Every structure is written in structure tokens, then in C-alpha cells.
Amino acid sequence: MAQVPEDIGCKNEKCIAKDECKRQVIAKNGTAREIKEFSGTEVKKCGKFIQK
């Protein structure tokens, strides 16, 4: 699987790790070049998680 660049933000509000993920931060602070919604759920992180 291809790696996702670190400047791709995420706006997945239901993800269990949303408060720990750098992708949420860059989506909210405007530094993301693109914003997606990855596959995290209420019980698991997505495979694109970046720790803060």
C-alpha cells in the first residue's frame, strides 16, 4: 500500500484516535494541502494515523 503524505489532513470525527492524531491537527489549523476522512472508527484507528 502506498504511503499517504504527512500534509494530508483528516476530518474523521468518529475516530477513536482523533485527539491523538496529527492529521486532525493539520486539518483544523489550515496547513493541510488536502483533507480526507480516513477509516478510523469508534473502536479502532485508521492505517494513516500520525501520532502528535
Protein backbone atom coordinates (compact mmCIF):
# COMPACT_ATOMS: atom_id res chain seq x y z
CA MET A 1 0.00 0.00 0.00
CA ALA A 2 1.27 3.49 -0.83
CA GLN A 3 2.10 5.83 2.00
CA VAL A 4 -0.05 8.95 2.41
CA PRO A 5 1.96 12.20 2.59
CA GLU A 6 2.13 13.81 6.02
CA ASP A 7 0.42 17.00 4.83
CA ILE A 8 -2.90 15.24 4.19
CA GLY A 9 -5.33 16.14 6.97
CA CYS A 10 -8.26 14.14 8.31
CA LYS A 11 -11.71 15.27 9.44
CA ASN A 12 -13.00 11.95 10.77
CA GLU A 13 -14.88 12.98 13.94
CA LYS A 14 -15.85 9.43 14.94
CA CYS A 15 -12.29 8.04 15.03
CA ILE A 16 -11.15 6.76 18.45
CA ALA A 17 -7.72 8.40 17.95
CA LYS A 18 -8.85 11.79 16.61
CA ASP A 19 -7.49 13.68 19.63
CA GLU A 20 -4.09 11.95 19.34
CA CYS A 21 -3.65 12.28 15.58
CA LYS A 22 -1.55 14.89 13.82
CA ARG A 23 -3.82 14.59 10.76
CA GLN A 24 -6.71 16.13 12.75
CA VAL A 25 -4.46 19.00 13.86
CA ILE A 26 -3.32 19.89 10.34
CA ALA A 27 -6.89 19.65 9.05
CA LYS A 28 -8.06 22.15 11.68
CA ASN A 29 -5.13 24.58 11.60
CA GLY A 30 -5.12 25.02 7.84
CA THR A 31 -1.70 23.57 6.97
CA ALA A 32 -3.09 20.54 5.12
CA ARG A 33 -2.82 20.62 1.34
CA GLU A 34 -5.75 18.21 1.20
CA ILE A 35 -8.30 16.99 3.76
CA LYS A 36 -9.77 13.48 3.67
CA GLU A 37 -11.74 11.26 6.00
CA PHE A 38 -9.83 8.08 6.73
CA SER A 39 -11.25 4.82 8.04
CA GLY A 40 -10.93 5.17 11.82
CA THR A 41 -13.96 4.10 13.84
CA GLU A 42 -15.21 4.38 17.42
CA VAL A 43 -13.13 1.29 18.28
CA LYS A 44 -10.00 1.50 16.08
CA LYS A 45 -7.53 3.88 14.44
CA CYS A 46 -7.12 4.06 10.69
CA GLY A 47 -3.95 2.94 8.95
CA LYS A 48 -2.97 6.57 8.24
CA PHE A 49 -2.63 7.63 11.90
CA ILE A 50 0.24 10.01 12.72
CA GLN A 51 0.95 10.49 16.43
CA LYS A 52 1.15 14.10 17.63
